[in-house]
Amino acid sequence: MSFFGKYNGTSNARLLRMERLIWILIYGGLLTLVLAWFMENTQATNATGLYAVGGVALALGLAVFYLRSLHKEG
């Protein structure tokens, strides 16, 4: 997967599931962190829990992203 080259995805089902999971975790974690940031002033205890959930989801997404970078197509 080159930076400027065309990437049509992978034909390997396992790698495809990893790629989908990466973006779900990263975007879900970021969305949860933003939601917690807006809730912080009104409901601090709920915001703390959302910060934790969003941070864990984001960290897992980045970890799976790193693991995906170690696997080669083929």
PDB file of N, CA and C in Angstrom:
ATOM      1  N   MET A   1       0.849  -1.172   0.000  1.00  0.00           N
ATOM      2  CA  MET A   1       0.000   0.000   0.000  1.00  0.00           C
ATOM      3  C   MET A   1       0.891   1.229   0.000  1.00  0.00           C
ATOM      4  N   SER A   2       1.111   1.790  -1.154  1.00  0.00           N
ATOM      5  CA  SER A   2       1.950   2.967  -1.248  1.00  0.00           C
ATOM      6  C   SER A   2       1.134   4.226  -0.955  1.00  0.00           C
ATOM      7  N   PHE A   3       1.836   5.272  -0.619  1.00  0.00           N
ATOM      8  CA  PHE A   3       1.161   6.500  -0.223  1.00  0.00           C
ATOM      9  C   PHE A   3       0.453   7.158  -1.397  1.00  0.00           C
ATOM     10  N   PHE A   4       1.102   7.241  -2.533  1.00  0.00           N
ATOM     11  CA  PHE A   4       0.507   7.913  -3.681  1.00  0.00           C
ATOM     12  C   PHE A   4      -0.094   6.939  -4.691  1.00  0.00           C
ATOM     13  N   GLY A   5       0.172   5.672  -4.551  1.00  0.00           N
ATOM     14  CA  GLY A   5      -0.351   4.690  -5.490  1.00  0.00           C
ATOM     15  C   GLY A   5      -1.812   4.365  -5.217  1.00  0.00           C
ATOM     16  N   LYS A   6      -2.440   3.753  -6.207  1.00  0.00           N
ATOM     17  CA  LYS A   6      -3.836   3.372  -6.061  1.00  0.00           C
ATOM     18  C   LYS A   6      -3.918   2.124  -5.193  1.00  0.00           C
ATOM     19  N   TYR A   7      -4.812   2.132  -4.216  1.00  0.00           N
ATOM     20  CA  TYR A   7      -4.986   0.989  -3.319  1.00  0.00           C
ATOM     21  C   TYR A   7      -6.430   0.547  -3.404  1.00  0.00           C
ATOM     22  N   ASN A   8      -6.643  -0.646  -3.938  1.00  0.00           N
ATOM     23  CA  ASN A   8      -7.998  -1.164  -4.119  1.00  0.00           C
ATOM     24  C   ASN A   8      -8.438  -2.034  -2.966  1.00  0.00           C
ATOM     25  N   GLY A   9      -7.709  -2.044  -1.893  1.00  0.00           N
ATOM     26  CA  GLY A   9      -8.072  -2.895  -0.770  1.00  0.00           C
ATOM     27  C   GLY A   9      -7.369  -4.234  -0.855  1.00  0.00           C
ATOM     28  N   THR A  10      -7.699  -5.077   0.068  1.00  0.00           N
ATOM     29  CA  THR A  10      -7.084  -6.384   0.138  1.00  0.00           C
ATOM     30  C   THR A  10      -8.085  -7.462  -0.248  1.00  0.00           C
ATOM     31  N   SER A  11      -7.577  -8.560  -0.732  1.00  0.00           N
ATOM     32  CA  SER A  11      -8.451  -9.684  -1.039  1.00  0.00           C
ATOM     33  C   SER A  11      -8.488 -10.687   0.109  1.00  0.00           C
ATOM     34  N   ASN A  12      -7.623 -10.501   1.100  1.00  0.00           N
ATOM     35  CA  ASN A  12      -7.568 -11.371   2.265  1.00  0.00           C
ATOM     36  C   ASN A  12      -8.666 -10.956   3.249  1.00  0.00           C
ATOM     37  N   ALA A  13      -9.551 -11.886   3.579  1.00  0.00           N
ATOM     38  CA  ALA A  13     -10.700 -11.557   4.442  1.00  0.00           C
ATOM     39  C   ALA A  13     -10.259 -11.149   5.838  1.00  0.00           C
ATOM     40  N   ARG A  14      -9.225 -11.764   6.363  1.00  0.00           N
ATOM     41  CA  ARG A  14      -8.740 -11.434   7.710  1.00  0.00           C
ATOM     42  C   ARG A  14      -8.193 -10.011   7.765  1.00  0.00           C
ATOM     43  N   LEU A  15      -7.416  -9.635   6.752  1.00  0.00           N
ATOM     44  CA  LEU A  15      -6.870  -8.279   6.715  1.00  0.00           C
ATOM     45  C   LEU A  15      -7.961  -7.245   6.470  1.00  0.00           C
ATOM     46  N   LEU A  16      -8.957  -7.605   5.695  1.00  0.00           N
ATOM     47  CA  LEU A  16     -10.078  -6.699   5.456  1.00  0.00           C
ATOM     48  C   LEU A  16     -10.846  -6.423   6.747  1.00  0.00           C
ATOM     49  N   ARG A  17     -11.066  -7.460   7.550  1.00  0.00           N
ATOM     50  CA  ARG A  17     -11.731  -7.267   8.850  1.00  0.00           C
ATOM     51  C   ARG A  17     -10.888  -6.383   9.765  1.00  0.00           C
ATOM     52  N   MET A  18      -9.565  -6.571   9.729  1.00  0.00           N
ATOM     53  CA  MET A  18      -8.686  -5.724  10.538  1.00  0.00           C
ATOM     54  C   MET A  18      -8.792  -4.266  10.115  1.00  0.00           C
ATOM     55  N   GLU A  19      -8.800  -4.021   8.805  1.00  0.00           N
ATOM     56  CA  GLU A  19      -8.880  -2.644   8.311  1.00  0.00           C
ATOM     57  C   GLU A  19     -10.198  -1.993   8.702  1.00  0.00           C
ATOM     58  N   ARG A  20     -11.275  -2.730   8.627  1.00  0.00           N
ATOM     59  CA  ARG A  20     -12.568  -2.181   9.047  1.00  0.00           C
ATOM     60  C   ARG A  20     -12.592  -1.911  10.543  1.00  0.00           C
ATOM     61  N   LEU A  21     -12.043  -2.819  11.330  1.00  0.00           N
ATOM     62  CA  LEU A  21     -12.005  -2.655  12.784  1.00  0.00           C
ATOM     63  C   LEU A  21     -11.165  -1.448  13.183  1.00  0.00           C
ATOM     64  N   ILE A  22     -10.078  -1.225  12.467  1.00  0.00           N
ATOM     65  CA  ILE A  22      -9.209  -0.076  12.753  1.00  0.00           C
ATOM     66  C   ILE A  22     -10.009   1.218  12.689  1.00  0.00           C
ATOM     67  N   TRP A  23     -10.711   1.430  11.588  1.00  0.00           N
ATOM     68  CA  TRP A  23     -11.409   2.698  11.408  1.00  0.00           C
ATOM     69  C   TRP A  23     -12.619   2.823  12.322  1.00  0.00           C
ATOM     70  N   ILE A  24     -13.278   1.729  12.616  1.00  0.00           N
ATOM     71  CA  ILE A  24     -14.390   1.779  13.570  1.00  0.00           C
ATOM     72  C   ILE A  24     -13.886   2.190  14.944  1.00  0.00           C
ATOM     73  N   LEU A  25     -12.779   1.598  15.387  1.00  0.00           N
ATOM     74  CA  LEU A  25     -12.245   1.926  16.711  1.00  0.00           C
ATOM     75  C   LEU A  25     -11.702   3.350  16.771  1.00  0.00           C
ATOM     76  N   ILE A  26     -10.974   3.767  15.747  1.00  0.00           N
ATOM     77  CA  ILE A  26     -10.385   5.118  15.775  1.00  0.00           C
ATOM     78  C   ILE A  26     -11.476   6.186  15.723  1.00  0.00           C
ATOM     79  N   TYR A  27     -12.376   6.086  14.754  1.00  0.00           N
ATOM     80  CA  TYR A  27     -13.417   7.110  14.648  1.00  0.00           C
ATOM     81  C   TYR A  27     -14.412   7.035  15.808  1.00  0.00           C
ATOM     82  N   GLY A  28     -14.729   5.831  16.260  1.00  0.00           N
ATOM     83  CA  GLY A  28     -15.608   5.695  17.415  1.00  0.00           C
ATOM     84  C   GLY A  28     -14.983   6.267  18.675  1.00  0.00           C
ATOM     85  N   GLY A  29     -13.694   6.012  18.868  1.00  0.00           N
ATOM     86  CA  GLY A  29     -12.996   6.565  20.027  1.00  0.00           C
ATOM     87  C   GLY A  29     -12.925   8.077  19.988  1.00  0.00           C
ATOM     88  N   LEU A  30     -12.617   8.636  18.823  1.00  0.00           N
ATOM     89  CA  LEU A  30     -12.563  10.097  18.705  1.00  0.00           C
ATOM     90  C   LEU A  30     -13.931  10.732  18.909  1.00  0.00           C
ATOM     91  N   LEU A  31     -14.965  10.121  18.365  1.00  0.00           N
ATOM     92  CA  LEU A  31     -16.319  10.636  18.550  1.00  0.00           C
ATOM     93  C   LEU A  31     -16.728  10.587  20.022  1.00  0.00           C
ATOM     94  N   THR A  32     -16.373   9.517  20.707  1.00  0.00           N
ATOM     95  CA  THR A  32     -16.689   9.393  22.129  1.00  0.00           C
ATOM     96  C   THR A  32     -15.925  10.430  22.951  1.00  0.00           C
ATOM     97  N   LEU A  33     -14.668  10.680  22.596  1.00  0.00           N
ATOM     98  CA  LEU A  33     -13.889  11.700  23.316  1.00  0.00           C
ATOM     99  C   LEU A  33     -14.494  13.097  23.120  1.00  0.00           C
ATOM    100  N   VAL A  34     -14.932  13.398  21.921  1.00  0.00           N
ATOM    101  CA  VAL A  34     -15.552  14.707  21.669  1.00  0.00           C
ATOM    102  C   VAL A  34     -16.870  14.819  22.426  1.00  0.00           C
ATOM    103  N   LEU A  35     -17.649  13.749  22.438  1.00  0.00           N
ATOM    104  CA  LEU A  35     -18.907  13.760  23.182  1.00  0.00           C
ATOM    105  C   LEU A  35     -18.658  13.973  24.675  1.00  0.00           C
ATOM    106  N   ALA A  36     -17.634  13.327  25.214  1.00  0.00           N
ATOM    107  CA  ALA A  36     -17.291  13.507  26.625  1.00  0.00           C
ATOM    108  C   ALA A  36     -16.841  14.935  26.898  1.00  0.00           C
ATOM    109  N   TRP A  37     -16.136  15.529  25.964  1.00  0.00           N
ATOM    110  CA  TRP A  37     -15.673  16.901  26.145  1.00  0.00           C
ATOM    111  C   TRP A  37     -16.856  17.862  26.229  1.00  0.00           C
ATOM    112  N   PHE A  38     -17.893  17.636  25.425  1.00  0.00           N
ATOM    113  CA  PHE A  38     -19.087  18.485  25.481  1.00  0.00           C
ATOM    114  C   PHE A  38     -19.915  18.221  26.737  1.00  0.00           C
ATOM    115  N   MET A  39     -19.885  17.002  27.247  1.00  0.00           N
ATOM    116  CA  MET A  39     -20.670  16.663  28.440  1.00  0.00           C
ATOM    117  C   MET A  39     -19.974  17.051  29.740  1.00  0.00           C
ATOM    118  N   GLU A  40     -18.727  17.418  29.677  1.00  0.00           N
ATOM    119  CA  GLU A  40     -17.916  17.631  30.873  1.00  0.00           C
ATOM    120  C   GLU A  40     -18.505  18.666  31.825  1.00  0.00           C
ATOM    121  N   ASN A  41     -19.070  19.734  31.316  1.00  0.00           N
ATOM    122  CA  ASN A  41     -19.580  20.791  32.181  1.00  0.00           C
ATOM    123  C   ASN A  41     -20.886  20.424  32.879  1.00  0.00           C
ATOM    124  N   THR A  42     -21.696  19.589  32.268  1.00  0.00           N
ATOM    125  CA  THR A  42     -23.003  19.298  32.841  1.00  0.00           C
ATOM    126  C   THR A  42     -23.027  18.005  33.642  1.00  0.00           C
ATOM    127  N   GLN A  43     -22.371  16.975  33.168  1.00  0.00           N
ATOM    128  CA  GLN A  43     -22.402  15.676  33.831  1.00  0.00           C
ATOM    129  C   GLN A  43     -20.981  15.132  33.911  1.00  0.00           C
ATOM    130  N   ALA A  44     -20.255  15.544  34.920  1.00  0.00           N
ATOM    131  CA  ALA A  44     -18.835  15.223  35.017  1.00  0.00           C
ATOM    132  C   ALA A  44     -18.578  13.726  35.209  1.00  0.00           C
ATOM    133  N   THR A  45     -19.436  13.023  35.961  1.00  0.00           N
ATOM    134  CA  THR A  45     -19.179  11.600  36.187  1.00  0.00           C
ATOM    135  C   THR A  45     -19.378  10.802  34.908  1.00  0.00           C
ATOM    136  N   ASN A  46     -20.395  11.141  34.127  1.00  0.00           N
ATOM    137  CA  ASN A  46     -20.600  10.456  32.851  1.00  0.00           C
ATOM    138  C   ASN A  46     -19.487  10.783  31.868  1.00  0.00           C
ATOM    139  N   ALA A  47     -19.009  12.014  31.897  1.00  0.00           N
ATOM    140  CA  ALA A  47     -17.936  12.414  30.997  1.00  0.00           C
ATOM    141  C   ALA A  47     -16.654  11.653  31.307  1.00  0.00           C
ATOM    142  N   THR A  48     -16.390  11.411  32.569  1.00  0.00           N
ATOM    143  CA  THR A  48     -15.183  10.669  32.942  1.00  0.00           C
ATOM    144  C   THR A  48     -15.219   9.251  32.381  1.00  0.00           C
ATOM    145  N   GLY A  49     -16.358   8.618  32.459  1.00  0.00           N
ATOM    146  CA  GLY A  49     -16.504   7.287  31.892  1.00  0.00           C
ATOM    147  C   GLY A  49     -16.356   7.283  30.383  1.00  0.00           C
ATOM    148  N   LEU A  50     -16.912   8.305  29.730  1.00  0.00           N
ATOM    149  CA  LEU A  50     -16.785   8.393  28.278  1.00  0.00           C
ATOM    150  C   LEU A  50     -15.350   8.683  27.856  1.00  0.00           C
ATOM    151  N   TYR A  51     -14.640   9.487  28.638  1.00  0.00           N
ATOM    152  CA  TYR A  51     -13.218   9.705  28.359  1.00  0.00           C
ATOM    153  C   TYR A  51     -12.457   8.383  28.402  1.00  0.00           C
ATOM    154  N   ALA A  52     -12.754   7.567  29.397  1.00  0.00           N
ATOM    155  CA  ALA A  52     -12.068   6.278  29.532  1.00  0.00           C
ATOM    156  C   ALA A  52     -12.397   5.355  28.361  1.00  0.00           C
ATOM    157  N   VAL A  53     -13.673   5.251  28.022  1.00  0.00           N
ATOM    158  CA  VAL A  53     -14.089   4.372  26.917  1.00  0.00           C
ATOM    159  C   VAL A  53     -13.508   4.861  25.591  1.00  0.00           C
ATOM    160  N   GLY A  54     -13.579   6.156  25.355  1.00  0.00           N
ATOM    161  CA  GLY A  54     -13.038   6.716  24.109  1.00  0.00           C
ATOM    162  C   GLY A  54     -11.536   6.558  24.002  1.00  0.00           C
ATOM    163  N   GLY A  55     -10.844   6.750  25.111  1.00  0.00           N
ATOM    164  CA  GLY A  55      -9.391   6.589  25.104  1.00  0.00           C
ATOM    165  C   GLY A  55      -8.974   5.152  24.848  1.00  0.00           C
ATOM    166  N   VAL A  56      -9.698   4.209  25.461  1.00  0.00           N
ATOM    167  CA  VAL A  56      -9.389   2.794  25.245  1.00  0.00           C
ATOM    168  C   VAL A  56      -9.670   2.397  23.800  1.00  0.00           C
ATOM    169  N   ALA A  57     -10.793   2.846  23.253  1.00  0.00           N
ATOM    170  CA  ALA A  57     -11.125   2.522  21.858  1.00  0.00           C
ATOM    171  C   ALA A  57     -10.090   3.102  20.897  1.00  0.00           C
ATOM    172  N   LEU A  58      -9.675   4.324  21.142  1.00  0.00           N
ATOM    173  CA  LEU A  58      -8.664   4.948  20.295  1.00  0.00           C
ATOM    174  C   LEU A  58      -7.333   4.213  20.398  1.00  0.00           C
ATOM    175  N   ALA A  59      -6.934   3.853  21.608  1.00  0.00           N
ATOM    176  CA  ALA A  59      -5.680   3.123  21.799  1.00  0.00           C
ATOM    177  C   ALA A  59      -5.728   1.749  21.121  1.00  0.00           C
ATOM    178  N   LEU A  60      -6.862   1.062  21.238  1.00  0.00           N
ATOM    179  CA  LEU A  60      -7.000  -0.230  20.567  1.00  0.00           C
ATOM    180  C   LEU A  60      -6.954  -0.073  19.043  1.00  0.00           C
ATOM    181  N   GLY A  61      -7.575   0.956  18.536  1.00  0.00           N
ATOM    182  CA  GLY A  61      -7.535   1.211  17.098  1.00  0.00           C
ATOM    183  C   GLY A  61      -6.124   1.458  16.604  1.00  0.00           C
ATOM    184  N   LEU A  62      -5.352   2.225  17.360  1.00  0.00           N
ATOM    185  CA  LEU A  62      -3.963   2.474  16.974  1.00  0.00           C
ATOM    186  C   LEU A  62      -3.113   1.216  17.098  1.00  0.00           C
ATOM    187  N   ALA A  63      -3.391   0.381  18.093  1.00  0.00           N
ATOM    188  CA  ALA A  63      -2.654  -0.871  18.245  1.00  0.00           C
ATOM    189  C   ALA A  63      -2.949  -1.821  17.082  1.00  0.00           C
ATOM    190  N   VAL A  64      -4.206  -1.923  16.688  1.00  0.00           N
ATOM    191  CA  VAL A  64      -4.562  -2.781  15.554  1.00  0.00           C
ATOM    192  C   VAL A  64      -3.981  -2.203  14.266  1.00  0.00           C
ATOM    193  N   PHE A  65      -3.928  -0.890  14.167  1.00  0.00           N
ATOM    194  CA  PHE A  65      -3.307  -0.228  13.012  1.00  0.00           C
ATOM    195  C   PHE A  65      -1.842  -0.630  12.906  1.00  0.00           C
ATOM    196  N   TYR A  66      -1.149  -0.630  14.031  1.00  0.00           N
ATOM    197  CA  TYR A  66       0.261  -1.036  14.043  1.00  0.00           C
ATOM    198  C   TYR A  66       0.403  -2.516  13.679  1.00  0.00           C
ATOM    199  N   LEU A  67      -0.450  -3.357  14.229  1.00  0.00           N
ATOM    200  CA  LEU A  67      -0.401  -4.783  13.895  1.00  0.00           C
ATOM    201  C   LEU A  67      -0.677  -5.018  12.420  1.00  0.00           C
ATOM    202  N   ARG A  68      -1.611  -4.260  11.853  1.00  0.00           N
ATOM    203  CA  ARG A  68      -1.914  -4.398  10.423  1.00  0.00           C
ATOM    204  C   ARG A  68      -0.727  -3.999   9.577  1.00  0.00           C
ATOM    205  N   SER A  69       0.058  -3.019  10.030  1.00  0.00           N
ATOM    206  CA  SER A  69       1.221  -2.593   9.258  1.00  0.00           C
ATOM    207  C   SER A  69       2.311  -3.657   9.217  1.00  0.00           C
ATOM    208  N   LEU A  70       2.304  -4.573  10.173  1.00  0.00           N
ATOM    209  CA  LEU A  70       3.304  -5.643  10.195  1.00  0.00           C
ATOM    210  C   LEU A  70       2.954  -6.788   9.247  1.00  0.00           C
ATOM    211  N   HIS A  71       1.671  -6.937   8.911  1.00  0.00           N
ATOM    212  CA  HIS A  71       1.252  -8.020   8.026  1.00  0.00           C
ATOM    213  C   HIS A  71       1.431  -7.598   6.564  1.00  0.00           C
ATOM    214  N   LYS A  72       1.896  -8.538   5.788  1.00  0.00           N
ATOM    215  CA  LYS A  72       2.090  -8.288   4.360  1.00  0.00           C
ATOM    216  C   LYS A  72       0.977  -8.930   3.556  1.00  0.00           C
ATOM    217  N   GLU A  73       0.649  -8.310   2.452  1.00  0.00           N
ATOM    218  CA  GLU A  73      -0.360  -8.846   1.552  1.00  0.00           C
ATOM    219  C   GLU A  73       0.198 -10.094   0.864  1.00  0.00           C
ATOM    220  N   GLY A  74      -0.644 -11.096   0.775  1.00  0.00           N
ATOM    221  CA  GLY A  74      -0.167 -12.244   0.029  1.00  0.00           C
ATOM    222  C   GLY A  74      -0.428 -13.512   0.608  1.00  0.00           C
TER     223      GLY A  74
END
